[in-house]
């Protein structure tokens, strides 16, 4: 090997990150941890986009990743605000405690 990292290695890391995030979403009961796992999945997709953009030699994947990261930052801010409001009302972030929002 000559020390060059190819697109396959990037995709292996991205798929591992995505699987860890998916596993976390499926088994976690805490809403905050589920949001963190969703962000991990989104970052795995962003890594794959950047890897393909580097492999193809164009900037479209990098630009799409930039917009995706900025939208994700807004989404995290809104999600955390909702979770803080729910915690103040329910004193819990477990999903089984948050199923009835009207009470």
N, C-alpha and C. Protein backbone atom coordinates (compact mmCIF):
# COMPACT_ATOMS: atom_id res chain seq x y z
N UNK A 1 0.84 -1.18 0.00
CA UNK A 1 0.00 0.00 0.00
C UNK A 1 0.88 1.23 0.00
N UNK A 2 0.41 2.24 -0.67
CA UNK A 2 1.19 3.47 -0.77
C UNK A 2 0.67 4.57 0.15
N UNK A 3 -0.22 4.25 1.08
CA UNK A 3 -0.69 5.23 2.04
C UNK A 3 -1.85 6.08 1.56
N UNK A 4 -2.39 5.82 0.39
CA UNK A 4 -3.51 6.59 -0.13
C UNK A 4 -4.80 5.94 0.35
N UNK A 5 -5.65 6.75 0.93
CA UNK A 5 -6.94 6.26 1.41
C UNK A 5 -7.94 6.40 0.27
N UNK A 6 -8.56 5.30 -0.10
CA UNK A 6 -9.51 5.32 -1.19
C UNK A 6 -10.93 5.54 -0.71
N UNK A 7 -11.83 5.56 -1.67
CA UNK A 7 -13.23 5.81 -1.35
C UNK A 7 -13.83 4.64 -0.57
N UNK A 8 -13.29 3.44 -0.75
CA UNK A 8 -13.81 2.28 -0.03
C UNK A 8 -13.62 2.39 1.47
N UNK A 9 -12.50 2.91 1.89
CA UNK A 9 -12.26 3.08 3.33
C UNK A 9 -13.20 4.11 3.93
N UNK A 10 -13.42 5.21 3.21
CA UNK A 10 -14.36 6.22 3.68
C UNK A 10 -15.76 5.64 3.79
N UNK A 11 -16.16 4.86 2.80
CA UNK A 11 -17.49 4.27 2.82
C UNK A 11 -17.63 3.22 3.91
N UNK A 12 -16.54 2.52 4.22
CA UNK A 12 -16.59 1.56 5.33
C UNK A 12 -16.81 2.27 6.66
N UNK A 13 -16.10 3.37 6.86
CA UNK A 13 -16.29 4.15 8.10
C UNK A 13 -17.69 4.75 8.14
N UNK A 14 -18.16 5.27 7.00
CA UNK A 14 -19.49 5.87 6.95
C UNK A 14 -20.57 4.82 7.22
N UNK A 15 -20.41 3.63 6.67
CA UNK A 15 -21.42 2.59 6.92
C UNK A 15 -21.38 2.12 8.37
N UNK A 16 -20.19 2.06 8.96
CA UNK A 16 -20.09 1.68 10.37
C UNK A 16 -20.76 2.74 11.25
N UNK A 17 -20.53 4.01 10.96
CA UNK A 17 -21.17 5.08 11.73
C UNK A 17 -22.69 5.03 11.57
N UNK A 18 -23.14 4.78 10.35
CA UNK A 18 -24.58 4.73 10.10
C UNK A 18 -25.20 3.55 10.86
N UNK A 19 -24.53 2.41 10.86
CA UNK A 19 -25.06 1.24 11.57
C UNK A 19 -25.10 1.47 13.08
N UNK A 20 -24.08 2.12 13.62
CA UNK A 20 -24.09 2.44 15.05
C UNK A 20 -25.24 3.39 15.37
N UNK A 21 -25.44 4.39 14.53
CA UNK A 21 -26.55 5.31 14.74
C UNK A 21 -27.90 4.64 14.62
N UNK A 22 -28.06 3.77 13.64
CA UNK A 22 -29.32 3.05 13.46
C UNK A 22 -29.58 2.13 14.65
N UNK A 23 -28.56 1.44 15.09
CA UNK A 23 -28.69 0.58 16.26
C UNK A 23 -29.09 1.39 17.49
N UNK A 24 -28.50 2.57 17.65
CA UNK A 24 -28.85 3.43 18.77
C UNK A 24 -30.28 3.92 18.71
N UNK A 25 -30.76 4.26 17.51
CA UNK A 25 -32.14 4.72 17.37
C UNK A 25 -33.10 3.59 17.70
N UNK A 26 -32.75 2.38 17.30
CA UNK A 26 -33.66 1.26 17.50
C UNK A 26 -33.73 0.78 18.96
N UNK A 27 -32.64 0.91 19.72
CA UNK A 27 -32.65 0.35 21.07
C UNK A 27 -32.80 1.40 22.17
N UNK A 28 -32.55 2.66 21.90
CA UNK A 28 -32.60 3.67 22.96
C UNK A 28 -34.04 4.05 23.28
N UNK A 29 -34.26 4.38 24.53
CA UNK A 29 -35.57 4.86 24.96
C UNK A 29 -35.54 6.33 25.33
N UNK A 30 -34.36 6.88 25.47
CA UNK A 30 -34.20 8.29 25.83
C UNK A 30 -34.26 9.12 24.55
N UNK A 31 -35.09 10.14 24.55
CA UNK A 31 -35.28 10.96 23.35
C UNK A 31 -34.02 11.72 22.97
N UNK A 32 -33.26 12.18 23.95
CA UNK A 32 -32.03 12.92 23.66
C UNK A 32 -31.00 12.01 23.01
N UNK A 33 -30.86 10.79 23.50
CA UNK A 33 -29.92 9.86 22.89
C UNK A 33 -30.36 9.45 21.49
N UNK A 34 -31.65 9.38 21.27
CA UNK A 34 -32.14 9.07 19.92
C UNK A 34 -31.80 10.20 18.95
N UNK A 35 -31.93 11.44 19.40
CA UNK A 35 -31.54 12.57 18.55
C UNK A 35 -30.05 12.54 18.24
N UNK A 36 -29.25 12.17 19.22
CA UNK A 36 -27.81 12.08 18.99
C UNK A 36 -27.48 10.98 17.99
N UNK A 37 -28.18 9.87 18.07
CA UNK A 37 -27.96 8.78 17.11
C UNK A 37 -28.42 9.17 15.71
N UNK A 38 -29.50 9.93 15.62
CA UNK A 38 -29.94 10.44 14.31
C UNK A 38 -28.89 11.37 13.70
N UNK A 39 -28.28 12.20 14.53
CA UNK A 39 -27.22 13.07 14.05
C UNK A 39 -26.01 12.27 13.60
N UNK A 40 -25.71 11.18 14.29
CA UNK A 40 -24.62 10.31 13.88
C UNK A 40 -24.90 9.70 12.51
N UNK A 41 -26.14 9.31 12.28
CA UNK A 41 -26.52 8.77 10.97
C UNK A 41 -26.38 9.84 9.88
N UNK A 42 -26.80 11.06 10.19
CA UNK A 42 -26.68 12.14 9.22
C UNK A 42 -25.23 12.46 8.91
N UNK A 43 -24.37 12.41 9.92
CA UNK A 43 -22.94 12.65 9.68
C UNK A 43 -22.31 11.54 8.87
N UNK A 44 -22.80 10.32 9.01
CA UNK A 44 -22.30 9.22 8.19
C UNK A 44 -22.65 9.45 6.72
N UNK A 45 -23.84 9.93 6.47
CA UNK A 45 -24.24 10.25 5.09
C UNK A 45 -23.40 11.40 4.55
N UNK A 46 -23.13 12.39 5.39
CA UNK A 46 -22.28 13.50 4.96
C UNK A 46 -20.87 13.04 4.63
N UNK A 47 -20.34 12.12 5.41
CA UNK A 47 -19.02 11.57 5.12
C UNK A 47 -19.01 10.84 3.78
N UNK A 48 -20.06 10.09 3.49
CA UNK A 48 -20.15 9.39 2.20
C UNK A 48 -20.25 10.40 1.05
N UNK A 49 -21.01 11.47 1.24
CA UNK A 49 -21.11 12.49 0.20
C UNK A 49 -19.76 13.13 -0.09
N UNK A 50 -19.03 13.44 0.94
CA UNK A 50 -17.71 14.06 0.75
C UNK A 50 -16.74 13.07 0.11
N UNK A 51 -16.84 11.80 0.48
CA UNK A 51 -15.96 10.79 -0.12
C UNK A 51 -16.23 10.66 -1.61
N UNK A 52 -17.50 10.61 -2.00
CA UNK A 52 -17.83 10.53 -3.41
C UNK A 52 -17.44 11.79 -4.17
N UNK A 53 -17.58 12.94 -3.52
CA UNK A 53 -17.17 14.19 -4.17
C UNK A 53 -15.66 14.21 -4.39
N UNK A 54 -14.92 13.73 -3.41
CA UNK A 54 -13.46 13.66 -3.57
C UNK A 54 -13.07 12.66 -4.65
N UNK A 55 -13.77 11.54 -4.69
CA UNK A 55 -13.47 10.51 -5.67
C UNK A 55 -13.76 10.99 -7.09
N UNK A 56 -14.86 11.73 -7.26
CA UNK A 56 -15.23 12.23 -8.58
C UNK A 56 -14.53 13.53 -8.95
N UNK A 57 -13.93 14.19 -7.99
CA UNK A 57 -13.19 15.42 -8.27
C UNK A 57 -14.07 16.64 -8.48
N UNK A 58 -15.28 16.63 -7.94
CA UNK A 58 -16.14 17.81 -8.05
C UNK A 58 -16.55 18.28 -6.65
N UNK A 59 -17.21 19.42 -6.60
CA UNK A 59 -17.54 20.03 -5.32
C UNK A 59 -19.02 19.92 -4.96
N UNK A 60 -19.82 19.26 -5.79
CA UNK A 60 -21.25 19.23 -5.50
C UNK A 60 -21.57 18.51 -4.20
N UNK A 61 -20.89 17.41 -3.92
CA UNK A 61 -21.12 16.69 -2.67
C UNK A 61 -20.70 17.48 -1.46
N UNK A 62 -19.63 18.24 -1.59
CA UNK A 62 -19.17 19.07 -0.47
C UNK A 62 -20.15 20.20 -0.21
N UNK A 63 -20.67 20.80 -1.26
CA UNK A 63 -21.65 21.88 -1.10
C UNK A 63 -22.94 21.34 -0.49
N UNK A 64 -23.39 20.18 -0.94
CA UNK A 64 -24.58 19.56 -0.36
C UNK A 64 -24.35 19.21 1.11
N UNK A 65 -23.17 18.77 1.44
CA UNK A 65 -22.84 18.47 2.83
C UNK A 65 -22.85 19.73 3.68
N UNK A 66 -22.34 20.83 3.14
CA UNK A 66 -22.36 22.10 3.87
C UNK A 66 -23.79 22.51 4.20
N UNK A 67 -24.69 22.42 3.23
CA UNK A 67 -26.09 22.76 3.48
C UNK A 67 -26.74 21.77 4.45
N UNK A 68 -26.38 20.52 4.35
CA UNK A 68 -26.93 19.51 5.24
C UNK A 68 -26.50 19.77 6.68
N UNK A 69 -25.25 20.15 6.88
CA UNK A 69 -24.77 20.44 8.23
C UNK A 69 -25.46 21.67 8.80
N UNK A 70 -25.68 22.69 7.98
CA UNK A 70 -26.35 23.89 8.48
C UNK A 70 -27.82 23.60 8.82
N UNK A 71 -28.49 22.77 8.04
CA UNK A 71 -29.87 22.40 8.37
C UNK A 71 -29.89 21.53 9.62
N UNK A 72 -28.91 20.66 9.77
CA UNK A 72 -28.84 19.80 10.96
C UNK A 72 -28.62 20.63 12.22
N UNK A 73 -27.85 21.70 12.12
CA UNK A 73 -27.63 22.56 13.29
C UNK A 73 -28.94 23.22 13.72
N UNK A 74 -29.73 23.68 12.76
CA UNK A 74 -31.03 24.26 13.09
C UNK A 74 -31.97 23.21 13.66
N UNK A 75 -31.92 22.02 13.11
CA UNK A 75 -32.77 20.93 13.59
C UNK A 75 -32.41 20.54 15.02
N UNK A 76 -31.15 20.52 15.34
CA UNK A 76 -30.72 20.19 16.70
C UNK A 76 -31.18 21.27 17.67
N UNK A 77 -31.08 22.51 17.29
CA UNK A 77 -31.52 23.59 18.18
C UNK A 77 -33.02 23.49 18.47
N UNK A 78 -33.81 23.23 17.45
CA UNK A 78 -35.26 23.11 17.65
C UNK A 78 -35.58 21.85 18.45
N UNK A 79 -34.92 20.74 18.13
CA UNK A 79 -35.15 19.50 18.86
C UNK A 79 -34.80 19.61 20.33
N UNK A 80 -33.68 20.26 20.63
CA UNK A 80 -33.30 20.43 22.03
C UNK A 80 -34.26 21.36 22.77
N UNK A 81 -34.76 22.38 22.09
CA UNK A 81 -35.74 23.27 22.71
C UNK A 81 -37.03 22.51 23.03
N UNK A 82 -37.46 21.65 22.13
CA UNK A 82 -38.65 20.84 22.39
C UNK A 82 -38.41 19.89 23.55
N UNK A 83 -37.23 19.26 23.57
CA UNK A 83 -36.94 18.33 24.66
C UNK A 83 -36.83 19.03 26.01
N UNK A 84 -36.29 20.24 26.03
CA UNK A 84 -36.23 20.99 27.29
C UNK A 84 -37.63 21.32 27.78
N UNK A 85 -38.51 21.73 26.86
CA UNK A 85 -39.89 22.03 27.24
C UNK A 85 -40.61 20.77 27.74
N UNK A 86 -40.39 19.65 27.08
CA UNK A 86 -41.02 18.40 27.53
C UNK A 86 -40.46 17.95 28.88
N UNK A 87 -39.18 18.15 29.09
CA UNK A 87 -38.59 17.75 30.37
C UNK A 87 -39.14 18.61 31.51
N UNK A 88 -39.32 19.89 31.24
CA UNK A 88 -39.86 20.76 32.28
C UNK A 88 -41.29 20.37 32.64
N UNK A 89 -42.04 19.89 31.65
CA UNK A 89 -43.42 19.51 31.91
C UNK A 89 -43.53 18.12 32.51
N UNK A 90 -42.77 17.15 32.00
CA UNK A 90 -42.90 15.75 32.40
C UNK A 90 -41.83 15.26 33.37
N UNK A 91 -40.72 15.96 33.49
CA UNK A 91 -39.58 15.56 34.33
C UNK A 91 -38.96 14.23 33.88
N UNK A 92 -39.08 13.94 32.59
CA UNK A 92 -38.50 12.72 32.05
C UNK A 92 -38.33 12.89 30.54
N UNK A 93 -37.32 12.22 30.01
CA UNK A 93 -37.12 12.21 28.56
C UNK A 93 -37.30 10.81 27.97
N UNK A 94 -37.79 9.87 28.77
CA UNK A 94 -38.06 8.54 28.25
C UNK A 94 -39.27 8.59 27.34
N UNK A 95 -39.19 7.90 26.23
CA UNK A 95 -40.24 8.00 25.22
C UNK A 95 -41.57 7.45 25.70
N UNK A 96 -41.57 6.43 26.54
CA UNK A 96 -42.85 5.91 27.01
C UNK A 96 -43.56 6.92 27.93
N UNK A 97 -42.81 7.85 28.51
CA UNK A 97 -43.42 8.89 29.34
C UNK A 97 -43.91 10.08 28.51
N UNK A 98 -43.48 10.17 27.27
CA UNK A 98 -43.82 11.32 26.44
C UNK A 98 -44.89 11.00 25.40
N UNK A 99 -45.60 9.90 25.56
CA UNK A 99 -46.54 9.51 24.52
C UNK A 99 -47.83 10.32 24.56
N UNK A 100 -48.20 10.87 25.69
CA UNK A 100 -49.40 11.69 25.78
C UNK A 100 -49.00 13.13 25.98
N UNK A 101 -48.99 13.89 24.90
CA UNK A 101 -48.49 15.26 24.98
C UNK A 101 -49.57 16.22 25.50
N UNK A 102 -50.82 15.85 25.46
CA UNK A 102 -51.88 16.77 25.84
C UNK A 102 -52.07 16.88 27.35
N UNK A 103 -51.57 15.97 28.10
CA UNK A 103 -51.81 16.00 29.56
C UNK A 103 -50.77 16.78 30.29
